[in-house]
Amino acid sequence: MPESINQLEILIEEVCDAHNLNQTYFGCISVATIEAFQNALIHGNQNDPDKIIIVDFQKTSTGVSFTVKDEGDGFDHLAIPDIKDDGKEKTFPGRGIFLIKSLSDNVTFNEKGNEVEIGFKTVGINIETTIDRAQKFKVYKDSAQKIEK
């Protein structure tokens, strides 16, 4: 479903443009939301082309949020271990959820586990959070470039 990911990238770009969000926000929102979409596609819908994934955007009082919902059976998000970032490359179950949590400000799953809301604070954000998020995105981007080579 590369065309679906392209559509999602266009949506994210339009949202960031409409709300004057800079490149750091765009990068973090893109990676986190696309990761949630890929989790929904692979783990939720089991790559079934007859099942759909719904992506929704909402402007909130503190920023923006994206919701990704699949038609799968869901999962227990609390059963995924909370891995701490030690600066080393991550290759463990739950890597996608780790990325989503690291690059966003708020992650909420529904009870069934087939829907995730990913929130990004864009007002009142302090400089330390902005720098931390930019560094995490750079690490992700650098590691992705190594894999492509």
C-alpha atoms as a PDB file:
ATOM      1  CA  MET A   1       0.000   0.000   0.000  1.00  0.00           C
ATOM      2  CA  PRO A   2       2.677   2.552  -0.862  1.00  0.00           C
ATOM      3  CA  GLU A   3      -0.014   4.797  -2.357  1.00  0.00           C
ATOM      4  CA  SER A   4      -1.749   4.931   1.045  1.00  0.00           C
ATOM      5  CA  ILE A   5       1.467   5.996   2.746  1.00  0.00           C
ATOM      6  CA  ASN A   6       1.939   8.673   0.074  1.00  0.00           C
ATOM      7  CA  GLN A   7      -1.586   9.949   0.774  1.00  0.00           C
ATOM      8  CA  LEU A   8      -0.809   9.999   4.492  1.00  0.00           C
ATOM      9  CA  GLU A   9       2.407  11.956   3.873  1.00  0.00           C
ATOM     10  CA  ILE A  10       0.417  14.510   1.833  1.00  0.00           C
ATOM     11  CA  LEU A  11      -2.142  14.839   4.649  1.00  0.00           C
ATOM     12  CA  ILE A  12       0.595  15.410   7.231  1.00  0.00           C
ATOM     13  CA  GLU A  13       2.309  17.970   5.000  1.00  0.00           C
ATOM     14  CA  GLU A  14      -0.977  19.830   4.460  1.00  0.00           C
ATOM     15  CA  VAL A  15      -1.716  19.863   8.199  1.00  0.00           C
ATOM     16  CA  CYS A  16       1.763  21.149   9.037  1.00  0.00           C
ATOM     17  CA  ASP A  17       1.524  23.830   6.335  1.00  0.00           C
ATOM     18  CA  ALA A  18      -1.966  24.903   7.428  1.00  0.00           C
ATOM     19  CA  HIS A  19      -0.846  25.244  11.054  1.00  0.00           C
ATOM     20  CA  ASN A  20       2.606  26.718  10.330  1.00  0.00           C
ATOM     21  CA  LEU A  21       4.459  23.822  11.947  1.00  0.00           C
ATOM     22  CA  ASN A  22       8.178  23.764  11.265  1.00  0.00           C
ATOM     23  CA  GLN A  23      10.302  20.951   9.809  1.00  0.00           C
ATOM     24  CA  THR A  24      11.012  19.361  13.203  1.00  0.00           C
ATOM     25  CA  TYR A  25       7.306  18.995  13.882  1.00  0.00           C
ATOM     26  CA  PHE A  26       6.748  17.696  10.367  1.00  0.00           C
ATOM     27  CA  GLY A  27       9.485  15.076  10.785  1.00  0.00           C
ATOM     28  CA  CYS A  28       8.267  13.869  14.173  1.00  0.00           C
ATOM     29  CA  ILE A  29       4.614  13.841  13.118  1.00  0.00           C
ATOM     30  CA  SER A  30       5.464  11.997   9.896  1.00  0.00           C
ATOM     31  CA  VAL A  31       7.565   9.295  11.506  1.00  0.00           C
ATOM     32  CA  ALA A  32       5.169   8.689  14.423  1.00  0.00           C
ATOM     33  CA  THR A  33       1.988   8.698  12.328  1.00  0.00           C
ATOM     34  CA  ILE A  34       3.419   6.584   9.501  1.00  0.00           C
ATOM     35  CA  GLU A  35       4.754   4.121  12.080  1.00  0.00           C
ATOM     36  CA  ALA A  36       1.257   3.860  13.604  1.00  0.00           C
ATOM     37  CA  PHE A  37      -0.189   3.359  10.105  1.00  0.00           C
ATOM     38  CA  GLN A  38       2.321   0.600   9.307  1.00  0.00           C
ATOM     39  CA  ASN A  39       1.570  -1.100  12.646  1.00  0.00           C
ATOM     40  CA  ALA A  40      -2.141  -0.955  11.794  1.00  0.00           C
ATOM     41  CA  LEU A  41      -1.501  -2.384   8.327  1.00  0.00           C
ATOM     42  CA  ILE A  42       0.868  -5.185   9.332  1.00  0.00           C
ATOM     43  CA  HIS A  43      -0.136  -6.134  12.869  1.00  0.00           C
ATOM     44  CA  GLY A  44      -3.729  -4.925  13.002  1.00  0.00           C
ATOM     45  CA  ASN A  45      -5.120  -5.718   9.569  1.00  0.00           C
ATOM     46  CA  GLN A  46      -2.583  -8.484   8.861  1.00  0.00           C
ATOM     47  CA  ASN A  47      -1.925  -6.945   5.400  1.00  0.00           C
ATOM     48  CA  ASP A  48      -5.509  -7.800   4.393  1.00  0.00           C
ATOM     49  CA  PRO A  49      -6.350  -5.518   1.432  1.00  0.00           C
ATOM     50  CA  ASP A  50     -10.074  -5.788   2.252  1.00  0.00           C
ATOM     51  CA  LYS A  51      -9.595  -4.165   5.670  1.00  0.00           C
ATOM     52  CA  ILE A  52      -9.322  -0.412   5.996  1.00  0.00           C
ATOM     53  CA  ILE A  53      -7.304   1.941   8.150  1.00  0.00           C
ATOM     54  CA  ILE A  54      -8.830   5.241   9.193  1.00  0.00           C
ATOM     55  CA  VAL A  55      -6.524   8.190   9.846  1.00  0.00           C
ATOM     56  CA  ASP A  56      -8.067  11.267  11.407  1.00  0.00           C
ATOM     57  CA  PHE A  57      -6.596  14.664  12.224  1.00  0.00           C
ATOM     58  CA  GLN A  58      -7.781  17.024  14.926  1.00  0.00           C
ATOM     59  CA  LYS A  59      -6.659  20.469  16.028  1.00  0.00           C
ATOM     60  CA  THR A  60      -6.623  20.592  19.819  1.00  0.00           C
ATOM     61  CA  SER A  61      -6.307  23.441  22.284  1.00  0.00           C
ATOM     62  CA  THR A  62      -2.608  22.613  22.770  1.00  0.00           C
ATOM     63  CA  GLY A  63      -1.608  21.372  19.325  1.00  0.00           C
ATOM     64  CA  VAL A  64      -2.564  18.671  16.861  1.00  0.00           C
ATOM     65  CA  SER A  65      -3.395  14.977  17.086  1.00  0.00           C
ATOM     66  CA  PHE A  66      -3.675  12.114  14.647  1.00  0.00           C
ATOM     67  CA  THR A  67      -5.765   9.005  15.236  1.00  0.00           C
ATOM     68  CA  VAL A  68      -5.033   5.740  13.443  1.00  0.00           C
ATOM     69  CA  LYS A  69      -7.612   2.942  13.635  1.00  0.00           C
ATOM     70  CA  ASP A  70      -7.522  -0.492  12.021  1.00  0.00           C
ATOM     71  CA  GLU A  71     -10.042  -3.330  11.716  1.00  0.00           C
ATOM     72  CA  GLY A  72      -7.886  -5.849  13.558  1.00  0.00           C
ATOM     73  CA  ASP A  73      -8.479  -7.625  16.845  1.00  0.00           C
ATOM     74  CA  GLY A  74      -6.349  -5.115  18.742  1.00  0.00           C
ATOM     75  CA  PHE A  75      -3.629  -5.820  21.281  1.00  0.00           C
ATOM     76  CA  ASP A  76      -2.723  -5.125  24.887  1.00  0.00           C
ATOM     77  CA  HIS A  77      -0.493  -2.072  24.616  1.00  0.00           C
ATOM     78  CA  LEU A  78       0.366  -2.406  28.324  1.00  0.00           C
ATOM     79  CA  ALA A  79       2.024  -5.759  27.600  1.00  0.00           C
ATOM     80  CA  ILE A  80       4.658  -4.072  25.430  1.00  0.00           C
ATOM     81  CA  PRO A  81       7.741  -3.422  27.589  1.00  0.00           C
ATOM     82  CA  ASP A  82       8.697   0.220  28.095  1.00  0.00           C
ATOM     83  CA  ILE A  83      12.172   0.304  26.576  1.00  0.00           C
ATOM     84  CA  LYS A  84      14.462   3.115  27.630  1.00  0.00           C
ATOM     85  CA  ASP A  85      16.492   4.925  24.968  1.00  0.00           C
ATOM     86  CA  ASP A  86      20.165   4.141  25.544  1.00  0.00           C
ATOM     87  CA  GLY A  87      21.315   5.608  22.218  1.00  0.00           C
ATOM     88  CA  LYS A  88      21.836   2.209  20.606  1.00  0.00           C
ATOM     89  CA  GLU A  89      19.935   0.912  17.588  1.00  0.00           C
ATOM     90  CA  LYS A  90      16.643  -0.667  18.558  1.00  0.00           C
ATOM     91  CA  THR A  91      15.643  -4.090  17.230  1.00  0.00           C
ATOM     92  CA  PHE A  92      13.006  -5.359  19.651  1.00  0.00           C
ATOM     93  CA  PRO A  93       9.274  -6.008  19.714  1.00  0.00           C
ATOM     94  CA  GLY A  94       7.485  -2.733  20.248  1.00  0.00           C
ATOM     95  CA  ARG A  95      10.088  -0.650  18.404  1.00  0.00           C
ATOM     96  CA  GLY A  96       7.329   1.195  16.524  1.00  0.00           C
ATOM     97  CA  ILE A  97       5.474   2.064  19.709  1.00  0.00           C
ATOM     98  CA  PHE A  98       8.755   3.194  21.253  1.00  0.00           C
ATOM     99  CA  LEU A  99       9.321   5.541  18.278  1.00  0.00           C
ATOM    100  CA  ILE A 100       5.772   6.874  18.449  1.00  0.00           C
ATOM    101  CA  LYS A 101       6.078   7.606  22.181  1.00  0.00           C
ATOM    102  CA  SER A 102       9.543   9.148  21.784  1.00  0.00           C
ATOM    103  CA  LEU A 103       8.551  11.547  19.008  1.00  0.00           C
ATOM    104  CA  SER A 104       5.169  12.667  20.351  1.00  0.00           C
ATOM    105  CA  ASP A 105       3.805  14.252  23.497  1.00  0.00           C
ATOM    106  CA  ASN A 106       0.834  12.019  24.187  1.00  0.00           C
ATOM    107  CA  VAL A 107      -0.097   8.509  23.059  1.00  0.00           C
ATOM    108  CA  THR A 108      -3.472   7.007  23.949  1.00  0.00           C
ATOM    109  CA  PHE A 109      -4.802   3.601  22.917  1.00  0.00           C
ATOM    110  CA  ASN A 110      -8.458   2.625  22.975  1.00  0.00           C
ATOM    111  CA  GLU A 111      -9.473  -0.280  25.230  1.00  0.00           C
ATOM    112  CA  LYS A 112      -9.500  -2.803  22.383  1.00  0.00           C
ATOM    113  CA  GLY A 113      -6.037  -1.761  21.207  1.00  0.00           C
ATOM    114  CA  ASN A 114      -6.915  -1.171  17.555  1.00  0.00           C
ATOM    115  CA  GLU A 115      -6.870   2.628  17.716  1.00  0.00           C
ATOM    116  CA  VAL A 116      -4.142   5.021  18.780  1.00  0.00           C
ATOM    117  CA  GLU A 117      -4.286   8.794  19.204  1.00  0.00           C
ATOM    118  CA  ILE A 118      -0.936  10.559  18.881  1.00  0.00           C
ATOM    119  CA  GLY A 119      -0.766  14.111  20.227  1.00  0.00           C
ATOM    120  CA  PHE A 120       1.762  16.838  19.514  1.00  0.00           C
ATOM    121  CA  LYS A 121       1.908  19.995  21.606  1.00  0.00           C
ATOM    122  CA  THR A 122       2.569  22.994  19.426  1.00  0.00           C
ATOM    123  CA  VAL A 123       1.716  25.824  21.810  1.00  0.00           C
ATOM    124  CA  GLY A 124       3.609  26.609  24.961  1.00  0.00           C
ATOM    125  CA  ILE A 125       6.324  24.087  24.166  1.00  0.00           C
ATOM    126  CA  ASN A 126       9.576  24.870  25.894  1.00  0.00           C
ATOM    127  CA  ILE A 127      12.965  25.045  24.226  1.00  0.00           C
ATOM    128  CA  GLU A 128      14.304  21.944  26.020  1.00  0.00           C
ATOM    129  CA  THR A 129      11.483  19.798  24.619  1.00  0.00           C
ATOM    130  CA  THR A 130      12.017  21.214  21.146  1.00  0.00           C
ATOM    131  CA  ILE A 131      15.759  20.491  21.247  1.00  0.00           C
ATOM    132  CA  ASP A 132      15.209  16.978  22.650  1.00  0.00           C
ATOM    133  CA  ARG A 133      12.642  16.157  19.968  1.00  0.00           C
ATOM    134  CA  ALA A 134      14.885  17.535  17.207  1.00  0.00           C
ATOM    135  CA  GLN A 135      17.777  15.375  18.455  1.00  0.00           C
ATOM    136  CA  LYS A 136      15.603  12.235  18.556  1.00  0.00           C
ATOM    137  CA  PHE A 137      14.386  12.921  15.026  1.00  0.00           C
ATOM    138  CA  LYS A 138      17.978  13.439  13.816  1.00  0.00           C
ATOM    139  CA  VAL A 139      19.039  10.107  15.361  1.00  0.00           C
ATOM    140  CA  TYR A 140      16.098   8.385  13.679  1.00  0.00           C
ATOM    141  CA  LYS A 141      16.832  10.057  10.331  1.00  0.00           C
ATOM    142  CA  ASP A 142      20.552   9.184  10.504  1.00  0.00           C
ATOM    143  CA  SER A 143      19.832   5.534  11.339  1.00  0.00           C
ATOM    144  CA  ALA A 144      17.271   5.328   8.508  1.00  0.00           C
ATOM    145  CA  GLN A 145      19.855   6.679   6.052  1.00  0.00           C
ATOM    146  CA  LYS A 146      22.366   4.008   7.165  1.00  0.00           C
ATOM    147  CA  ILE A 147      19.806   1.284   6.506  1.00  0.00           C
ATOM    148  CA  GLU A 148      19.067   2.643   3.010  1.00  0.00           C
ATOM    149  CA  LYS A 149      22.755   2.517   2.009  1.00  0.00           C
END
